[in-house]
PDB file of all heavy atoms in Angstrom:
ATOM      1  N   VAL A   1      34.634   0.672   2.345  1.00  0.00           N
ATOM      2  CA  VAL A   1      35.635  -0.018   3.153  1.00  0.00           C
ATOM      3  C   VAL A   1      36.374  -1.126   2.384  1.00  0.00           C
ATOM      4  O   VAL A   1      37.580  -1.292   2.564  1.00  0.00           O
ATOM      5  CB  VAL A   1      34.971  -0.594   4.428  1.00  0.00           C
ATOM      6  CG1 VAL A   1      35.944  -1.433   5.216  1.00  0.00           C
ATOM      7  CG2 VAL A   1      34.450   0.539   5.293  1.00  0.00           C
ATOM      8  N   ALA A   2      35.700  -1.862   1.520  1.00  0.00           N
ATOM      9  CA  ALA A   2      36.355  -2.970   0.812  1.00  0.00           C
ATOM     10  C   ALA A   2      37.516  -2.502  -0.070  1.00  0.00           C
ATOM     11  O   ALA A   2      38.628  -3.020   0.051  1.00  0.00           O
ATOM     12  CB  ALA A   2      35.334  -3.762   0.003  1.00  0.00           C
ATOM     13  N   PRO A   3      37.309  -1.509  -0.945  1.00  0.00           N
ATOM     14  CA  PRO A   3      38.461  -1.064  -1.742  1.00  0.00           C
ATOM     15  C   PRO A   3      39.534  -0.380  -0.906  1.00  0.00           C
ATOM     16  O   PRO A   3      40.729  -0.500  -1.196  1.00  0.00           O
ATOM     17  CB  PRO A   3      37.867  -0.094  -2.768  1.00  0.00           C
ATOM     18  CG  PRO A   3      36.463   0.118  -2.413  1.00  0.00           C
ATOM     19  CD  PRO A   3      36.075  -0.871  -1.367  1.00  0.00           C
ATOM     20  N   LEU A   4      39.125   0.307   0.141  1.00  0.00           N
ATOM     21  CA  LEU A   4      40.097   0.964   1.017  1.00  0.00           C
ATOM     22  C   LEU A   4      40.977  -0.087   1.697  1.00  0.00           C
ATOM     23  O   LEU A   4      42.204   0.057   1.769  1.00  0.00           O
ATOM     24  CB  LEU A   4      39.370   1.822   2.058  1.00  0.00           C
ATOM     25  CG  LEU A   4      40.243   2.651   2.984  1.00  0.00           C
ATOM     26  CD1 LEU A   4      41.048   3.675   2.180  1.00  0.00           C
ATOM     27  CD2 LEU A   4      39.380   3.355   4.010  1.00  0.00           C
ATOM     28  N   GLY A   5      40.366  -1.169   2.158  1.00  0.00           N
ATOM     29  CA  GLY A   5      41.127  -2.257   2.781  1.00  0.00           C
ATOM     30  C   GLY A   5      42.078  -2.919   1.795  1.00  0.00           C
ATOM     31  O   GLY A   5      43.222  -3.234   2.134  1.00  0.00           O
ATOM     32  N   ALA A   6      41.629  -3.113   0.556  1.00  0.00           N
ATOM     33  CA  ALA A   6      42.502  -3.712  -0.467  1.00  0.00           C
ATOM     34  C   ALA A   6      43.669  -2.789  -0.776  1.00  0.00           C
ATOM     35  O   ALA A   6      44.812  -3.239  -0.910  1.00  0.00           O
ATOM     36  CB  ALA A   6      41.703  -4.004  -1.732  1.00  0.00           C
ATOM     37  N   LEU A   7      43.402  -1.504  -0.859  1.00  0.00           N
ATOM     38  CA  LEU A   7      44.454  -0.532  -1.174  1.00  0.00           C
ATOM     39  C   LEU A   7      45.492  -0.472  -0.054  1.00  0.00           C
ATOM     40  O   LEU A   7      46.694  -0.564  -0.304  1.00  0.00           O
ATOM     41  CB  LEU A   7      43.836   0.848  -1.400  1.00  0.00           C
ATOM     42  CG  LEU A   7      44.802   1.971  -1.741  1.00  0.00           C
ATOM     43  CD1 LEU A   7      45.428   1.730  -3.102  1.00  0.00           C
ATOM     44  CD2 LEU A   7      44.077   3.300  -1.730  1.00  0.00           C
ATOM     45  N   LEU A   8      45.036  -0.349   1.173  1.00  0.00           N
ATOM     46  CA  LEU A   8      45.964  -0.275   2.304  1.00  0.00           C
ATOM     47  C   LEU A   8      46.679  -1.606   2.514  1.00  0.00           C
ATOM     48  O   LEU A   8      47.878  -1.641   2.787  1.00  0.00           O
ATOM     49  CB  LEU A   8      45.217   0.132   3.579  1.00  0.00           C
ATOM     50  CG  LEU A   8      44.594   1.524   3.561  1.00  0.00           C
ATOM     51  CD1 LEU A   8      43.763   1.754   4.817  1.00  0.00           C
ATOM     52  CD2 LEU A   8      45.649   2.598   3.410  1.00  0.00           C
ATOM     53  N   GLY A   9      45.944  -2.706   2.367  1.00  0.00           N
ATOM     54  CA  GLY A   9      46.535  -4.026   2.552  1.00  0.00           C
ATOM     55  C   GLY A   9      47.604  -4.327   1.524  1.00  0.00           C
ATOM     56  O   GLY A   9      48.665  -4.879   1.843  1.00  0.00           O
ATOM     57  N   ALA A  10      47.355  -3.959   0.271  1.00  0.00           N
ATOM     58  CA  ALA A  10      48.343  -4.209  -0.786  1.00  0.00           C
ATOM     59  C   ALA A  10      49.628  -3.440  -0.516  1.00  0.00           C
ATOM     60  O   ALA A  10      50.729  -3.955  -0.732  1.00  0.00           O
ATOM     61  CB  ALA A  10      47.764  -3.824  -2.147  1.00  0.00           C
ATOM     62  N   ASP A  11      49.511  -2.231  -0.029  1.00  0.00           N
ATOM     63  CA  ASP A  11      50.699  -1.424   0.277  1.00  0.00           C
ATOM     64  C   ASP A  11      51.512  -2.062   1.406  1.00  0.00           C
ATOM     65  O   ASP A  11      52.733  -2.126   1.340  1.00  0.00           O
ATOM     66  CB  ASP A  11      50.283   0.000   0.654  1.00  0.00           C
ATOM     67  CG  ASP A  11      51.478   0.915   0.835  1.00  0.00           C
ATOM     68  OD1 ASP A  11      52.351   0.942  -0.060  1.00  0.00           O
ATOM     69  OD2 ASP A  11      51.537   1.605   1.873  1.00  0.00           O
ATOM     70  N   ILE A  12      50.844  -2.556   2.409  1.00  0.00           N
ATOM     71  CA  ILE A  12      51.524  -3.185   3.548  1.00  0.00           C
ATOM     72  C   ILE A  12      52.177  -4.497   3.116  1.00  0.00           C
ATOM     73  O   ILE A  12      53.347  -4.745   3.394  1.00  0.00           O
ATOM     74  CB  ILE A  12      50.529  -3.427   4.707  1.00  0.00           C
ATOM     75  CG1 ILE A  12      50.086  -2.086   5.305  1.00  0.00           C
ATOM     76  CG2 ILE A  12      51.147  -4.317   5.784  1.00  0.00           C
ATOM     77  CD1 ILE A  12      48.894  -2.191   6.237  1.00  0.00           C
ATOM     78  N   VAL A  13      51.430  -5.344   2.421  1.00  0.00           N
ATOM     79  CA  VAL A  13      51.925  -6.661   2.034  1.00  0.00           C
ATOM     80  C   VAL A  13      53.073  -6.560   1.030  1.00  0.00           C
ATOM     81  O   VAL A  13      54.011  -7.350   1.070  1.00  0.00           O
ATOM     82  CB  VAL A  13      50.776  -7.537   1.475  1.00  0.00           C
ATOM     83  CG1 VAL A  13      51.300  -8.829   0.880  1.00  0.00           C
ATOM     84  CG2 VAL A  13      49.785  -7.850   2.585  1.00  0.00           C
ATOM     85  N   SER A  14      53.028  -5.567   0.158  1.00  0.00           N
ATOM     86  CA  SER A  14      54.087  -5.447  -0.852  1.00  0.00           C
ATOM     87  C   SER A  14      55.452  -5.162  -0.226  1.00  0.00           C
ATOM     88  O   SER A  14      56.481  -5.398  -0.848  1.00  0.00           O
ATOM     89  CB  SER A  14      53.737  -4.341  -1.852  1.00  0.00           C
ATOM     90  OG  SER A  14      53.774  -3.073  -1.231  1.00  0.00           O
ATOM     91  N   LYS A  15      55.458  -4.697   1.011  1.00  0.00           N
ATOM     92  CA  LYS A  15      56.717  -4.390   1.701  1.00  0.00           C
ATOM     93  C   LYS A  15      57.169  -5.526   2.625  1.00  0.00           C
ATOM     94  O   LYS A  15      58.199  -5.421   3.269  1.00  0.00           O
ATOM     95  CB  LYS A  15      56.553  -3.106   2.506  1.00  0.00           C
ATOM     96  CG  LYS A  15      56.285  -1.897   1.631  1.00  0.00           C
ATOM     97  CD  LYS A  15      55.961  -0.675   2.440  1.00  0.00           C
ATOM     98  CE  LYS A  15      55.601   0.474   1.509  1.00  0.00           C
ATOM     99  NZ  LYS A  15      54.990   1.577   2.204  1.00  0.00           N
ATOM    100  N   MET A  16      56.412  -6.614   2.670  1.00  0.00           N
ATOM    101  CA  MET A  16      56.733  -7.718   3.567  1.00  0.00           C
ATOM    102  C   MET A  16      57.604  -8.760   2.869  1.00  0.00           C
ATOM    103  O   MET A  16      57.565  -8.905   1.652  1.00  0.00           O
ATOM    104  CB  MET A  16      55.441  -8.384   4.061  1.00  0.00           C
ATOM    105  CG  MET A  16      54.595  -7.498   4.945  1.00  0.00           C
ATOM    106  SD  MET A  16      52.997  -8.231   5.333  1.00  0.00           S
ATOM    107  CE  MET A  16      53.474  -9.540   6.420  1.00  0.00           C
ATOM    108  N   SER A  17      58.344  -9.511   3.663  1.00  0.00           N
ATOM    109  CA  SER A  17      59.163 -10.596   3.120  1.00  0.00           C
ATOM    110  C   SER A  17      58.273 -11.798   2.812  1.00  0.00           C
ATOM    111  O   SER A  17      57.147 -11.911   3.308  1.00  0.00           O
ATOM    112  CB  SER A  17      60.232 -11.011   4.136  1.00  0.00           C
ATOM    113  OG  SER A  17      59.620 -11.616   5.262  1.00  0.00           O
ATOM    114  N   ARG A  18      58.794 -12.701   2.003  1.00  0.00           N
ATOM    115  CA  ARG A  18      58.050 -13.902   1.631  1.00  0.00           C
ATOM    116  C   ARG A  18      57.645 -14.707   2.855  1.00  0.00           C
ATOM    117  O   ARG A  18      56.516 -15.183   2.966  1.00  0.00           O
ATOM    118  CB  ARG A  18      58.890 -14.760   0.702  1.00  0.00           C
ATOM    119  CG  ARG A  18      58.229 -16.065   0.324  1.00  0.00           C
ATOM    120  CD  ARG A  18      59.140 -16.961  -0.447  1.00  0.00           C
ATOM    121  NE  ARG A  18      59.559 -16.299  -1.663  1.00  0.00           N
ATOM    122  CZ  ARG A  18      59.617 -16.879  -2.832  1.00  0.00           C
ATOM    123  NH1 ARG A  18      59.302 -18.141  -2.945  1.00  0.00           N
ATOM    124  NH2 ARG A  18      60.004 -16.235  -3.895  1.00  0.00           N
ATOM    125  N   SER A  19      58.556 -14.880   3.800  1.00  0.00           N
ATOM    126  CA  SER A  19      58.238 -15.700   4.981  1.00  0.00           C
ATOM    127  C   SER A  19      57.134 -15.068   5.821  1.00  0.00           C
ATOM    128  O   SER A  19      56.274 -15.772   6.340  1.00  0.00           O
ATOM    129  CB  SER A  19      59.492 -15.926   5.824  1.00  0.00           C
ATOM    130  OG  SER A  19      60.002 -14.708   6.309  1.00  0.00           O
ATOM    131  N   ARG A  20      57.140 -13.750   5.939  1.00  0.00           N
ATOM    132  CA  ARG A  20      56.068 -13.092   6.717  1.00  0.00           C
ATOM    133  C   ARG A  20      54.722 -13.243   6.018  1.00  0.00           C
ATOM    134  O   ARG A  20      53.689 -13.418   6.667  1.00  0.00           O
ATOM    135  CB  ARG A  20      56.396 -11.623   6.937  1.00  0.00           C
ATOM    136  CG  ARG A  20      57.602 -11.454   7.858  1.00  0.00           C
ATOM    137  CD  ARG A  20      57.796 -10.023   8.204  1.00  0.00           C
ATOM    138  NE  ARG A  20      57.255  -9.902   9.565  1.00  0.00           N
ATOM    139  CZ  ARG A  20      57.105  -8.765  10.193  1.00  0.00           C
ATOM    140  NH1 ARG A  20      57.417  -7.653   9.610  1.00  0.00           N
ATOM    141  NH2 ARG A  20      56.618  -8.738  11.408  1.00  0.00           N
ATOM    142  N   ILE A  21      54.717 -13.172   4.683  1.00  0.00           N
ATOM    143  CA  ILE A  21      53.474 -13.369   3.939  1.00  0.00           C
ATOM    144  C   ILE A  21      52.980 -14.795   4.126  1.00  0.00           C
ATOM    145  O   ILE A  21      51.788 -15.028   4.363  1.00  0.00           O
ATOM    146  CB  ILE A  21      53.678 -13.045   2.442  1.00  0.00           C
ATOM    147  CG1 ILE A  21      53.933 -11.550   2.253  1.00  0.00           C
ATOM    148  CG2 ILE A  21      52.472 -13.489   1.613  1.00  0.00           C
ATOM    149  CD1 ILE A  21      54.374 -11.165   0.865  1.00  0.00           C
ATOM    150  N   GLN A  22      53.889 -15.770   4.046  1.00  0.00           N
ATOM    151  CA  GLN A  22      53.504 -17.167   4.237  1.00  0.00           C
ATOM    152  C   GLN A  22      52.932 -17.388   5.630  1.00  0.00           C
ATOM    153  O   GLN A  22      51.915 -18.073   5.791  1.00  0.00           O
ATOM    154  CB  GLN A  22      54.707 -18.077   4.010  1.00  0.00           C
ATOM    155  CG  GLN A  22      55.137 -18.163   2.566  1.00  0.00           C
ATOM    156  CD  GLN A  22      56.432 -18.925   2.383  1.00  0.00           C
ATOM    157  OE1 GLN A  22      57.310 -18.923   3.246  1.00  0.00           O
ATOM    158  NE2 GLN A  22      56.565 -19.591   1.236  1.00  0.00           N
ATOM    159  N   ILE A  23      53.567 -16.813   6.632  1.00  0.00           N
ATOM    160  CA  ILE A  23      53.069 -16.961   8.009  1.00  0.00           C
ATOM    161  C   ILE A  23      51.702 -16.291   8.146  1.00  0.00           C
ATOM    162  O   ILE A  23      50.781 -16.852   8.746  1.00  0.00           O
ATOM    163  CB  ILE A  23      54.091 -16.373   9.015  1.00  0.00           C
ATOM    164  CG1 ILE A  23      55.334 -17.258   9.058  1.00  0.00           C
ATOM    165  CG2 ILE A  23      53.477 -16.221  10.394  1.00  0.00           C
ATOM    166  CD1 ILE A  23      56.509 -16.641   9.798  1.00  0.00           C
ATOM    167  N   GLY A  24      51.548 -15.099   7.569  1.00  0.00           N
ATOM    168  CA  GLY A  24      50.263 -14.395   7.630  1.00  0.00           C
ATOM    169  C   GLY A  24      49.150 -15.178   6.950  1.00  0.00           C
ATOM    170  O   GLY A  24      48.050 -15.313   7.503  1.00  0.00           O
ATOM    171  N   LEU A  25      49.430 -15.705   5.756  1.00  0.00           N
ATOM    172  CA  LEU A  25      48.433 -16.517   5.057  1.00  0.00           C
ATOM    173  C   LEU A  25      48.104 -17.782   5.852  1.00  0.00           C
ATOM    174  O   LEU A  25      46.943 -18.188   5.938  1.00  0.00           O
ATOM    175  CB  LEU A  25      48.930 -16.888   3.659  1.00  0.00           C
ATOM    176  CG  LEU A  25      48.944 -15.776   2.622  1.00  0.00           C
ATOM    177  CD1 LEU A  25      49.676 -16.217   1.360  1.00  0.00           C
ATOM    178  CD2 LEU A  25      47.535 -15.330   2.282  1.00  0.00           C
ATOM    179  N   GLY A  26      49.140 -18.390   6.437  1.00  0.00           N
ATOM    180  CA  GLY A  26      48.919 -19.592   7.244  1.00  0.00           C
ATOM    181  C   GLY A  26      48.017 -19.321   8.439  1.00  0.00           C
ATOM    182  O   GLY A  26      47.080 -20.083   8.704  1.00  0.00           O
ATOM    183  N   PHE A  27      48.287 -18.229   9.162  1.00  0.00           N
ATOM    184  CA  PHE A  27      47.446 -17.882  10.310  1.00  0.00           C
ATOM    185  C   PHE A  27      46.022 -17.537   9.870  1.00  0.00           C
ATOM    186  O   PHE A  27      45.052 -17.901  10.538  1.00  0.00           O
ATOM    187  CB  PHE A  27      48.039 -16.720  11.108  1.00  0.00           C
ATOM    188  CG  PHE A  27      49.067 -17.154  12.108  1.00  0.00           C
ATOM    189  CD1 PHE A  27      50.380 -16.732  11.983  1.00  0.00           C
ATOM    190  CD2 PHE A  27      48.734 -17.971  13.176  1.00  0.00           C
ATOM    191  CE1 PHE A  27      51.342 -17.132  12.899  1.00  0.00           C
ATOM    192  CE2 PHE A  27      49.680 -18.367  14.096  1.00  0.00           C
ATOM    193  CZ  PHE A  27      50.986 -17.951  13.959  1.00  0.00           C
ATOM    194  N   GLY A  28      45.895 -16.851   8.735  1.00  0.00           N
ATOM    195  CA  GLY A  28      44.568 -16.522   8.226  1.00  0.00           C
ATOM    196  C   GLY A  28      43.763 -17.772   7.896  1.00  0.00           C
ATOM    197  O   GLY A  28      42.590 -17.888   8.267  1.00  0.00           O
ATOM    198  N   LEU A  29      44.393 -18.710   7.194  1.00  0.00           N
ATOM    199  CA  LEU A  29      43.712 -19.959   6.855  1.00  0.00           C
ATOM    200  C   LEU A  29      43.390 -20.780   8.100  1.00  0.00           C
ATOM    201  O   LEU A  29      42.327 -21.401   8.196  1.00  0.00           O
ATOM    202  CB  LEU A  29      44.556 -20.777   5.875  1.00  0.00           C
ATOM    203  CG  LEU A  29      44.701 -20.182   4.478  1.00  0.00           C
ATOM    204  CD1 LEU A  29      45.739 -20.952   3.671  1.00  0.00           C
ATOM    205  CD2 LEU A  29      43.363 -20.172   3.756  1.00  0.00           C
ATOM    206  N   LEU A  30      44.305 -20.773   9.066  1.00  0.00           N
ATOM    207  CA  LEU A  30      44.060 -21.475  10.326  1.00  0.00           C
ATOM    208  C   LEU A  30      42.865 -20.865  11.064  1.00  0.00           C
ATOM    209  O   LEU A  30      42.004 -21.595  11.574  1.00  0.00           O
ATOM    210  CB  LEU A  30      45.311 -21.422  11.210  1.00  0.00           C
ATOM    211  CG  LEU A  30      45.222 -22.124  12.559  1.00  0.00           C
ATOM    212  CD1 LEU A  30      45.015 -23.628  12.375  1.00  0.00           C
ATOM    213  CD2 LEU A  30      46.496 -21.867  13.365  1.00  0.00           C
ATOM    214  N   ALA A  31      42.793 -19.538  11.095  1.00  0.00           N
ATOM    215  CA  ALA A  31      41.672 -18.860  11.761  1.00  0.00           C
ATOM    216  C   ALA A  31      40.344 -19.220  11.095  1.00  0.00           C
ATOM    217  O   ALA A  31      39.360 -19.534  11.778  1.00  0.00           O
ATOM    218  CB  ALA A  31      41.885 -17.350  11.745  1.00  0.00           C
ATOM    219  N   VAL A  32      40.315 -19.195   9.769  1.00  0.00           N
ATOM    220  CA  VAL A  32      39.091 -19.549   9.052  1.00  0.00           C
ATOM    221  C   VAL A  32      38.709 -21.000   9.351  1.00  0.00           C
ATOM    222  O   VAL A  32      37.540 -21.303   9.608  1.00  0.00           O
ATOM    223  CB  VAL A  32      39.260 -19.331   7.531  1.00  0.00           C
ATOM    224  CG1 VAL A  32      38.097 -19.931   6.758  1.00  0.00           C
ATOM    225  CG2 VAL A  32      39.390 -17.852   7.219  1.00  0.00           C
ATOM    226  N   GLY A  33      39.686 -21.891   9.338  1.00  0.00           N
ATOM    227  CA  GLY A  33      39.414 -23.293   9.642  1.00  0.00           C
ATOM    228  C   GLY A  33      38.849 -23.477  11.048  1.00  0.00           C
ATOM    229  O   GLY A  33      37.890 -24.228  11.245  1.00  0.00           O
ATOM    230  N   LEU A  34      39.424 -22.786  12.024  1.00  0.00           N
ATOM    231  CA  LEU A  34      38.939 -22.888  13.403  1.00  0.00           C
ATOM    232  C   LEU A  34      37.528 -22.326  13.547  1.00  0.00           C
ATOM    233  O   LEU A  34      36.693 -22.900  14.262  1.00  0.00           O
ATOM    234  CB  LEU A  34      39.902 -22.184  14.359  1.00  0.00           C
ATOM    235  CG  LEU A  34      41.268 -22.853  14.525  1.00  0.00           C
ATOM    236  CD1 LEU A  34      42.197 -21.976  15.368  1.00  0.00           C
ATOM    237  CD2 LEU A  34      41.131 -24.235  15.135  1.00  0.00           C
TER     238      LEU A  34
END
């Protein structure tokens, strides 16, 4: 599952805009903090 998630995730993220990546990273960090 770990390499499969990295492979699928990289494909999805590579097609995203910078602002969407920033928002996604921000929400991820916020979730971890909470």
